[in-house]
Amino acid sequence: MLRHLRPASEACEECRLAGNHRRRTLRPAERHQRLATAAIFSGTAPGNRTVRVGGSYRVASTNRSTDRQVRAWRQVGRRFQLLTGLTVLILVICPVAIWLFEKNRNPNIASIGAGYQWLARTLFETASAYKLRTGPGFVVYYIVRIAGVSLIAFGTATIASRLVTTVILKGKGMGSTKAEGHILICGWSSKGSEIVREVRAKEVADKRRIVVLSRHTDDPTKDKSVEFLHGDPSDADDLHRAGLPSCSTAIVLADESDPSATAGDKDARTLLTCLAVESICPDVYSCVEVVRSENRQHFAQTRVNEMIVSAELTGALLGASARTHGLSKVVSDLVTRPGGPEFYRIQVPLELVGLTMSQALSPIKDKFDALLIGFYNAVADGFDLNPAGTRTIAAGDVLLVISSNASALAAHAVS
């Protein structure tokens, strides 16, 4: 059913008062923002799309059709399966028929078991296994010969059609993943390659599978270790195909599949994807990329766990580097691999339980070659950096340290 949202363009109020009904065309960013907001408040499902009817935009339910070639192969596969089933049924009935017709005149086929033995030998030999005595027996024999050849042909064709369908689906990213505990990347941009490189770095012990769901028609990752699926990241069906309910982390990127999309368009799509992810799997840990810092307030209304504002982060780092020379290199070394120190989360070693922050600095440095900089705060879902020196370390604490020796921390690392 179509729901009316609001006109695509609004009449200038001053012009209306003057009797002039010229309309002001909205910019693409304004239009997408209004459509996204209207879709959110009107309860539009993530899989729906907005269409223009007359001079207005309305929300219409839509199901993305599958590729015609794939549907054709599926139909062919179903037909071959049906024919194969019928052929097998005929072959099951034929031994009973040959026994009924030949049992009183042929001593070689005196039981149903002998009838099945005759069937097996006849299928692999060039003639009937036994000399037949009745006319109906000959009819059954020819049926078996025809059905046997048909069974081989149908079986081979069914397997071939399955293989071809699988290859087509995989090549076009139209299948579904069987991964569990994986990292799901919704949308794709130039930052996606950096994400894959970081997750696949040799220093990372927990190498999880990566699944990419994007609107791109061809695999944009160019990486055989990454599973690509073509689809709409804001569509519920596509998110299920990508294994959202079973993934460990969902990363929502500002999708660059549409070269003409503005920064506002990208953020609008990202916002709809975040809402779709939350509606399907609210407990999944989510990280989202926001292009424009002005749109932070909209994403703050969602339940995303981490928000990276590209413009804000880049501007702040450039400004801080101008004041503190060399800071950008320090940050780059800490967050990128390979080489250099990295951030690690570790469980508290038993020998540190009960010590204060000041007392624990030296043992952590001596034993793990690491620098303690903070504690995980479960209430704020973040880290308390540079805590007071009198802060006591408890058994259940999670420590944030900087270290270049990943092997020394492996026994206590938290994924």
Protein backbone atom coordinates (compact mmCIF):
# COMPACT_ATOMS: atom_id res chain seq x y z
CA MET A 1 0.00 0.00 0.00
CA LEU A 2 1.29 3.49 -0.84
CA ARG A 3 1.77 6.00 1.92
CA HIS A 4 1.84 9.70 1.10
CA LEU A 5 4.95 11.40 2.49
CA ARG A 6 5.21 15.02 1.29
CA PRO A 7 5.67 16.93 -1.98
CA ALA A 8 9.05 16.73 -3.64
CA SER A 9 9.24 20.52 -3.88
CA GLU A 10 7.75 23.22 -1.68
CA ALA A 11 6.28 26.52 -2.71
CA CYS A 12 8.05 29.56 -1.33
CA GLU A 13 5.80 31.09 1.31
CA GLU A 14 6.45 34.64 0.16
CA CYS A 15 5.55 33.71 -3.42
CA ARG A 16 2.35 32.04 -2.23
CA LEU A 17 1.30 35.19 -0.37
CA ALA A 18 1.98 37.20 -3.52
CA GLY A 19 -0.12 34.82 -5.56
CA ASN A 20 2.86 33.37 -7.37
CA HIS A 21 2.90 29.59 -7.14
CA ARG A 22 6.37 28.98 -8.49
CA ARG A 23 8.02 26.11 -6.72
CA ARG A 24 11.49 25.86 -5.31
CA THR A 25 13.25 22.61 -6.22
CA LEU A 26 14.95 20.98 -3.26
CA ARG A 27 18.60 20.12 -3.43
CA PRO A 28 19.42 16.39 -3.56
CA ALA A 29 20.77 16.41 0.00
CA GLU A 30 17.60 18.08 1.33
CA ARG A 31 15.38 15.72 -0.64
CA HIS A 32 17.14 12.58 0.62
CA GLN A 33 17.20 13.88 4.17
CA ARG A 34 13.47 14.62 4.09
CA LEU A 35 12.67 11.31 2.46
CA ALA A 36 14.78 9.43 5.01
CA THR A 37 13.20 11.29 7.91
CA ALA A 38 9.69 10.82 6.53
CA ALA A 39 10.32 7.14 5.94
CA ILE A 40 11.54 6.74 9.51
CA PHE A 41 8.54 8.44 11.10
CA SER A 42 6.01 6.83 8.77
CA GLY A 43 7.18 3.36 9.68
CA THR A 44 8.59 2.48 6.28
CA ALA A 45 10.15 -0.97 6.28
CA PRO A 46 13.86 -1.12 5.40
CA GLY A 47 13.13 -3.09 2.25
CA ASN A 48 10.72 -0.52 0.79
CA ARG A 49 11.59 2.16 -1.71
CA THR A 50 10.37 5.70 -2.34
CA VAL A 51 8.76 6.40 -5.69
CA ARG A 52 7.44 9.56 -7.28
CA VAL A 53 3.72 9.54 -8.00
CA GLY A 54 2.42 12.74 -9.58
CA GLY A 55 4.25 15.51 -7.75
CA SER A 56 4.71 13.61 -4.52
CA TYR A 57 7.00 10.96 -3.11
CA ARG A 58 5.40 7.86 -1.73
CA VAL A 59 6.67 4.69 -0.14
CA ALA A 60 5.94 1.51 -2.02
CA SER A 61 6.75 -2.02 -0.99
CA THR A 62 9.10 -3.75 -3.43
CA ASN A 63 10.90 -7.05 -3.75
CA ARG A 64 14.10 -6.94 -5.77
CA SER A 65 13.81 -9.43 -8.62
CA THR A 66 16.47 -12.02 -9.19
CA ASP A 67 18.54 -12.15 -12.31
CA ARG A 68 16.61 -13.67 -15.24
CA GLN A 69 19.36 -16.07 -16.12
CA VAL A 70 19.53 -17.39 -12.58
CA ARG A 71 15.75 -17.86 -12.44
CA ALA A 72 15.85 -19.74 -15.74
CA TRP A 73 18.49 -22.12 -14.47
CA ARG A 74 16.52 -22.70 -11.29
CA GLN A 75 13.42 -23.58 -13.31
CA VAL A 76 15.44 -25.96 -15.47
CA GLY A 77 16.86 -27.54 -12.32
CA ARG A 78 13.38 -28.08 -10.85
CA ARG A 79 12.14 -29.69 -14.06
CA PHE A 80 15.08 -32.06 -14.20
CA GLN A 81 14.55 -32.99 -10.57
CA LEU A 82 10.92 -33.82 -11.32
CA LEU A 83 11.84 -35.96 -14.33
CA THR A 84 14.56 -37.69 -12.32
CA GLY A 85 12.04 -38.53 -9.61
CA LEU A 86 9.59 -39.95 -12.10
CA THR A 87 12.32 -42.03 -13.73
CA VAL A 88 13.40 -43.47 -10.39
CA LEU A 89 9.77 -44.28 -9.60
CA ILE A 90 9.42 -46.17 -12.89
CA LEU A 91 12.57 -48.14 -12.18
CA VAL A 92 11.26 -49.05 -8.74
CA ILE A 93 7.96 -50.30 -10.19
CA CYS A 94 9.48 -52.20 -13.14
CA PRO A 95 11.06 -55.05 -11.10
CA VAL A 96 7.67 -55.71 -9.49
CA ALA A 97 6.02 -55.69 -12.93
CA ILE A 98 8.60 -58.04 -14.46
CA TRP A 99 8.12 -60.43 -11.53
CA LEU A 100 4.33 -60.43 -11.94
CA PHE A 101 4.56 -61.11 -15.67
CA GLU A 102 7.40 -63.67 -15.65
CA LYS A 103 7.12 -65.49 -12.30
CA ASN A 104 5.01 -68.39 -13.62
CA ARG A 105 6.95 -68.87 -16.90
CA ASN A 106 10.51 -67.85 -16.05
CA PRO A 107 12.38 -69.76 -13.29
CA ASN A 108 15.06 -67.04 -13.15
CA ILE A 109 12.54 -64.45 -11.91
CA ALA A 110 10.70 -66.36 -9.20
CA SER A 111 10.76 -63.58 -6.55
CA ILE A 112 10.68 -59.79 -6.24
CA GLY A 113 14.34 -59.90 -5.22
CA ALA A 114 15.17 -61.65 -8.48
CA GLY A 115 13.24 -58.90 -10.29
CA TYR A 116 15.47 -56.21 -8.78
CA GLN A 117 18.54 -58.28 -9.59
CA TRP A 118 17.33 -58.48 -13.20
CA LEU A 119 16.90 -54.67 -13.19
CA ALA A 120 20.43 -54.00 -11.92
CA ARG A 121 22.03 -56.35 -14.45
CA THR A 122 19.89 -55.07 -17.33
CA LEU A 123 20.86 -51.44 -16.65
CA PHE A 124 24.57 -52.23 -16.93
CA GLU A 125 24.42 -54.86 -19.68
CA THR A 126 23.58 -54.46 -23.36
CA ALA A 127 20.65 -56.91 -23.26
CA SER A 128 18.23 -58.45 -20.82
CA ALA A 129 19.92 -60.39 -18.01
CA TYR A 130 17.52 -63.31 -18.49
CA LYS A 131 15.63 -64.55 -21.51
CA LEU A 132 12.10 -63.22 -21.25
CA ARG A 133 9.10 -65.48 -21.87
CA THR A 134 6.17 -63.05 -22.11
CA GLY A 135 5.18 -60.08 -24.26
CA PRO A 136 4.50 -57.76 -21.29
CA GLY A 137 7.95 -58.74 -20.00
CA PHE A 138 9.52 -57.40 -23.20
CA VAL A 139 7.54 -54.16 -22.80
CA VAL A 140 8.94 -53.76 -19.27
CA TYR A 141 12.43 -54.45 -20.61
CA TYR A 142 12.23 -51.64 -23.17
CA ILE A 143 10.81 -49.29 -20.55
CA VAL A 144 13.81 -50.06 -18.32
CA ARG A 145 16.27 -49.44 -21.15
CA ILE A 146 14.71 -46.08 -21.99
CA ALA A 147 14.29 -45.08 -18.36
CA GLY A 148 17.88 -46.07 -17.53
CA VAL A 149 19.32 -43.84 -20.24
CA SER A 150 16.95 -41.07 -19.21
CA LEU A 151 17.97 -41.41 -15.56
CA ILE A 152 21.62 -40.90 -16.42
CA ALA A 153 20.82 -37.94 -18.68
CA PHE A 154 18.48 -36.29 -16.18
CA GLY A 155 20.86 -36.86 -13.28
CA THR A 156 23.80 -35.40 -15.17
CA ALA A 157 21.74 -32.41 -16.31
CA THR A 158 20.47 -31.78 -12.77
CA ILE A 159 23.99 -31.77 -11.35
CA ALA A 160 25.22 -29.52 -14.18
CA SER A 161 22.37 -27.04 -13.72
CA ARG A 162 23.04 -26.92 -9.98
CA LEU A 163 26.72 -26.23 -10.55
CA VAL A 164 26.02 -23.55 -13.15
CA THR A 165 23.45 -21.88 -10.88
CA THR A 166 25.89 -21.91 -7.98
CA VAL A 167 28.63 -20.36 -10.10
CA ILE A 168 26.27 -17.66 -11.42
CA LEU A 169 25.00 -16.83 -7.94
CA LYS A 170 28.48 -16.64 -6.51
CA GLY A 171 29.86 -14.58 -9.37
CA LYS A 172 27.04 -12.04 -9.11
CA GLY A 173 27.04 -12.02 -5.31
CA MET A 174 23.45 -13.26 -5.23
CA GLY A 175 23.88 -16.23 -2.92
CA SER A 176 23.84 -16.25 0.87
CA THR A 177 26.61 -16.73 3.38
CA LYS A 178 26.99 -19.60 5.81
CA ALA A 179 29.51 -17.72 7.95
CA GLU A 180 29.02 -17.29 11.70
CA GLY A 181 30.80 -14.92 14.05
CA HIS A 182 32.00 -12.95 11.02
CA ILE A 183 32.48 -9.24 10.38
CA LEU A 184 29.75 -7.82 8.15
CA ILE A 185 30.60 -4.72 6.12
CA CYS A 186 27.45 -2.94 4.89
CA GLY A 187 28.21 -0.77 1.89
CA TRP A 188 31.60 -0.24 0.31
CA SER A 189 33.98 2.68 -0.07
CA SER A 190 37.70 3.26 -0.43
CA LYS A 191 38.00 2.74 3.32
CA GLY A 192 36.83 -0.84 2.95
CA SER A 193 40.21 -2.00 1.65
CA GLU A 194 41.90 -0.50 4.71
CA ILE A 195 39.45 -2.30 6.99
CA VAL A 196 40.15 -5.63 5.30
CA ARG A 197 43.91 -5.05 5.51
CA GLU A 198 43.74 -4.29 9.23
CA VAL A 199 41.54 -7.28 10.04
CA ARG A 200 43.67 -9.59 7.91
CA ALA A 201 47.01 -8.38 9.31
CA LYS A 202 49.35 -11.15 10.44
CA GLU A 203 49.52 -9.63 13.93
CA VAL A 204 45.78 -10.29 14.40
CA ALA A 205 45.34 -13.67 16.06
CA ASP A 206 41.55 -13.85 15.64
CA LYS A 207 41.16 -13.78 11.86
CA ARG A 208 37.39 -13.72 11.41
CA ARG A 209 35.67 -14.13 8.09
CA ILE A 210 34.62 -10.95 6.32
CA VAL A 211 31.35 -10.60 4.40
CA VAL A 212 30.64 -7.50 2.29
CA LEU A 213 27.07 -6.52 1.35
CA SER A 214 27.05 -3.75 -1.24
CA ARG A 215 25.00 -2.34 -4.10
CA HIS A 216 27.93 -2.87 -6.47
CA THR A 217 27.11 -5.31 -9.26
CA ASP A 218 30.68 -6.66 -9.33
CA ASP A 219 32.91 -7.53 -6.41
CA PRO A 220 34.60 -4.25 -5.37
CA THR A 221 36.92 -5.90 -2.83
CA LYS A 222 39.15 -7.71 -5.35
CA ASP A 223 40.04 -10.05 -2.49
CA LYS A 224 39.35 -13.79 -2.70
CA SER A 225 39.37 -14.13 1.10
CA VAL A 226 36.39 -11.76 1.36
CA GLU A 227 32.87 -13.00 0.59
CA PHE A 228 30.94 -10.49 -1.52
CA LEU A 229 27.15 -10.32 -1.72
CA HIS A 230 25.25 -7.99 -4.02
CA GLY A 231 22.27 -6.33 -2.38
CA ASP A 232 20.84 -3.35 -0.56
CA PRO A 233 22.34 -2.97 2.95
CA SER A 234 19.07 -1.39 4.13
CA ASP A 235 16.97 -4.33 2.91
CA ALA A 236 16.01 -6.90 5.55
CA ASP A 237 16.17 -9.89 3.19
CA ASP A 238 19.65 -8.94 1.97
CA LEU A 239 20.88 -8.45 5.54
CA HIS A 240 19.64 -11.93 6.41
CA ARG A 241 21.46 -13.31 3.34
CA ALA A 242 24.63 -11.66 4.64
CA GLY A 243 24.22 -13.39 8.00
CA LEU A 244 23.53 -10.32 10.14
CA PRO A 245 21.88 -12.28 13.00
CA SER A 246 24.97 -14.49 13.35
CA CYS A 247 27.73 -11.91 12.80
CA SER A 248 29.93 -10.55 15.60
CA THR A 249 30.35 -7.00 14.31
CA ALA A 250 28.56 -4.89 11.71
CA ILE A 251 30.45 -2.05 10.02
CA VAL A 252 28.30 0.43 8.09
CA LEU A 253 30.27 2.44 5.54
CA ALA A 254 29.23 5.51 3.58
CA ASP A 255 28.51 3.63 0.36
CA GLU A 256 30.18 4.91 -2.81
CA SER A 257 28.33 2.71 -5.32
CA ASP A 258 26.62 5.81 -6.74
CA PRO A 259 29.28 8.27 -8.00
CA SER A 260 26.73 11.10 -8.22
CA ALA A 261 25.69 10.82 -4.56
CA THR A 262 26.52 13.78 -2.34
CA ALA A 263 27.74 13.60 1.24
CA GLY A 264 24.17 14.15 2.44
CA ASP A 265 22.91 11.32 0.21
CA LYS A 266 25.51 8.94 1.61
CA ASP A 267 24.63 9.80 5.20
CA ALA A 268 20.92 9.33 4.45
CA ARG A 269 21.57 5.84 3.09
CA THR A 270 23.84 5.04 6.02
CA LEU A 271 21.15 6.13 8.47
CA LEU A 272 18.56 3.84 6.88
CA THR A 273 21.05 0.96 6.97
CA CYS A 274 21.69 1.55 10.68
CA LEU A 275 17.96 1.47 11.39
CA ALA A 276 17.58 -1.75 9.40
CA VAL A 277 20.47 -3.37 11.27
CA GLU A 278 19.01 -2.37 14.64
CA SER A 279 15.53 -3.61 13.77
CA ILE A 280 16.83 -7.05 12.77
CA CYS A 281 19.60 -7.57 15.33
CA PRO A 282 19.67 -4.88 18.04
CA ASP A 283 22.38 -6.71 20.03
CA VAL A 284 25.02 -6.78 17.29
CA TYR A 285 28.05 -4.54 17.89
CA SER A 286 27.87 -1.84 15.23
CA CYS A 287 30.36 0.73 13.94
CA VAL A 288 29.18 3.40 11.51
CA GLU A 289 30.92 5.93 9.28
CA VAL A 290 29.37 9.41 9.11
CA VAL A 291 30.58 11.77 6.40
CA ARG A 292 29.26 15.13 7.61
CA SER A 293 29.69 16.19 11.23
CA GLU A 294 26.32 18.04 11.09
CA ASN A 295 24.58 14.68 10.77
CA ARG A 296 26.03 13.33 14.00
CA GLN A 297 22.86 14.35 15.85
CA HIS A 298 20.73 12.08 13.64
CA PHE A 299 22.92 9.05 14.21
CA ALA A 300 23.03 9.80 17.93
CA GLN A 301 19.32 8.88 18.02
CA THR A 302 20.19 5.33 16.91
CA ARG A 303 21.77 2.62 19.06
CA VAL A 304 25.06 2.28 17.17
CA ASN A 305 27.96 1.38 19.43
CA GLU A 306 30.63 3.45 17.73
CA MET A 307 30.39 6.40 15.37
CA ILE A 308 33.31 7.61 13.25
CA VAL A 309 32.74 11.07 11.76
CA SER A 310 35.17 11.32 8.85
CA ALA A 311 35.25 15.09 8.51
CA GLU A 312 35.41 15.67 12.26
CA LEU A 313 38.16 13.14 12.88
CA THR A 314 40.28 14.31 9.96
CA GLY A 315 39.90 17.98 10.88
CA ALA A 316 40.71 17.38 14.54
CA LEU A 317 43.84 15.36 13.69
CA LEU A 318 45.07 17.99 11.26
CA GLY A 319 44.50 20.75 13.82
CA ALA A 320 46.21 18.80 16.60
CA SER A 321 49.15 17.98 14.31
CA ALA A 322 49.57 21.68 13.57
CA ARG A 323 49.93 22.32 17.32
CA THR A 324 51.89 19.16 18.20
CA HIS A 325 54.19 18.30 15.35
CA GLY A 326 54.53 14.60 14.60
CA LEU A 327 51.21 13.68 16.26
CA SER A 328 49.68 12.32 13.05
CA LYS A 329 52.50 9.78 12.73
CA VAL A 330 52.00 8.65 16.32
CA VAL A 331 48.26 8.12 15.74
CA SER A 332 48.93 6.32 12.46
CA ASP A 333 51.39 3.95 14.14
CA LEU A 334 48.89 3.16 16.90
CA VAL A 335 45.90 2.35 14.70
CA THR A 336 47.49 0.80 11.60
CA ARG A 337 49.48 -2.34 10.93
CA PRO A 338 52.04 -3.77 10.35
CA GLY A 339 54.82 -2.63 12.65
CA GLY A 340 54.84 -0.20 15.53
CA PRO A 341 52.93 -0.25 18.81
CA GLU A 342 49.23 -1.11 18.87
CA PHE A 343 46.29 -0.86 21.26
CA TYR A 344 45.36 -4.10 23.08
CA ARG A 345 42.67 -5.07 25.54
CA ILE A 346 43.81 -7.62 28.11
CA GLN A 347 42.36 -9.39 31.12
CA VAL A 348 43.99 -8.54 34.44
CA PRO A 349 46.84 -10.95 35.26
CA LEU A 350 46.46 -12.53 38.71
CA GLU A 351 49.66 -10.94 40.02
CA LEU A 352 48.24 -7.46 39.39
CA VAL A 353 44.94 -7.91 41.27
CA GLY A 354 44.81 -5.56 44.25
CA LEU A 355 47.53 -3.23 43.01
CA THR A 356 46.92 0.44 42.34
CA MET A 357 47.39 2.07 38.96
CA SER A 358 50.76 3.50 40.01
CA GLN A 359 51.96 0.15 41.39
CA ALA A 360 50.91 -1.80 38.26
CA LEU A 361 52.76 0.36 35.72
CA SER A 362 56.18 -1.14 36.37
CA PRO A 363 55.16 -4.88 36.48
CA ILE A 364 53.16 -4.54 33.26
CA LYS A 365 56.11 -2.91 31.52
CA ASP A 366 58.60 -5.47 32.81
CA LYS A 367 56.55 -8.62 32.11
CA PHE A 368 54.54 -7.68 29.03
CA ASP A 369 56.56 -4.80 27.57
CA ALA A 370 53.34 -2.78 27.62
CA LEU A 371 52.17 0.62 28.80
CA LEU A 372 48.93 0.74 30.83
CA ILE A 373 46.83 3.74 29.81
CA GLY A 374 43.26 2.98 30.93
CA PHE A 375 40.46 0.71 32.13
CA TYR A 376 37.32 -0.45 30.38
CA ASN A 377 34.16 1.20 31.75
CA ALA A 378 31.18 -1.11 31.20
CA VAL A 379 28.66 1.56 32.21
CA ALA A 380 29.87 4.09 29.64
CA ASP A 381 30.83 1.32 27.17
CA GLY A 382 34.22 2.95 26.71
CA PHE A 383 37.61 3.41 28.34
CA ASP A 384 38.67 5.60 31.26
CA LEU A 385 42.03 6.93 30.12
CA ASN A 386 44.78 8.04 32.49
CA PRO A 387 42.88 7.12 35.68
CA ALA A 388 43.98 8.22 39.12
CA GLY A 389 47.11 6.54 40.47
CA THR A 390 45.16 5.29 43.49
CA ARG A 391 42.67 3.40 41.35
CA THR A 392 42.73 -0.25 42.48
CA ILE A 393 42.81 -3.06 39.91
CA ALA A 394 40.07 -5.67 40.39
CA ALA A 395 39.97 -9.27 39.11
CA GLY A 396 37.29 -8.56 36.48
CA ASP A 397 38.85 -5.43 35.01
CA VAL A 398 39.83 -5.12 31.36
CA LEU A 399 42.98 -3.08 30.78
CA LEU A 400 43.85 -0.95 27.78
CA VAL A 401 47.56 -1.07 27.00
CA ILE A 402 49.96 -0.03 24.23
CA SER A 403 52.50 -2.63 23.18
CA SER A 404 54.62 -3.79 20.25
CA ASN A 405 54.81 -7.35 21.57
CA ALA A 406 51.54 -9.08 20.67
CA SER A 407 52.88 -12.55 21.57
CA ALA A 408 53.55 -11.51 25.16
CA LEU A 409 49.91 -10.44 25.55
CA ALA A 410 48.36 -13.37 23.69
CA ALA A 411 47.45 -15.31 26.86
CA HIS A 412 45.50 -12.36 28.28
CA ALA A 413 44.19 -10.69 25.10
CA VAL A 414 40.49 -9.88 24.78
CA SER A 415 39.03 -10.05 21.26
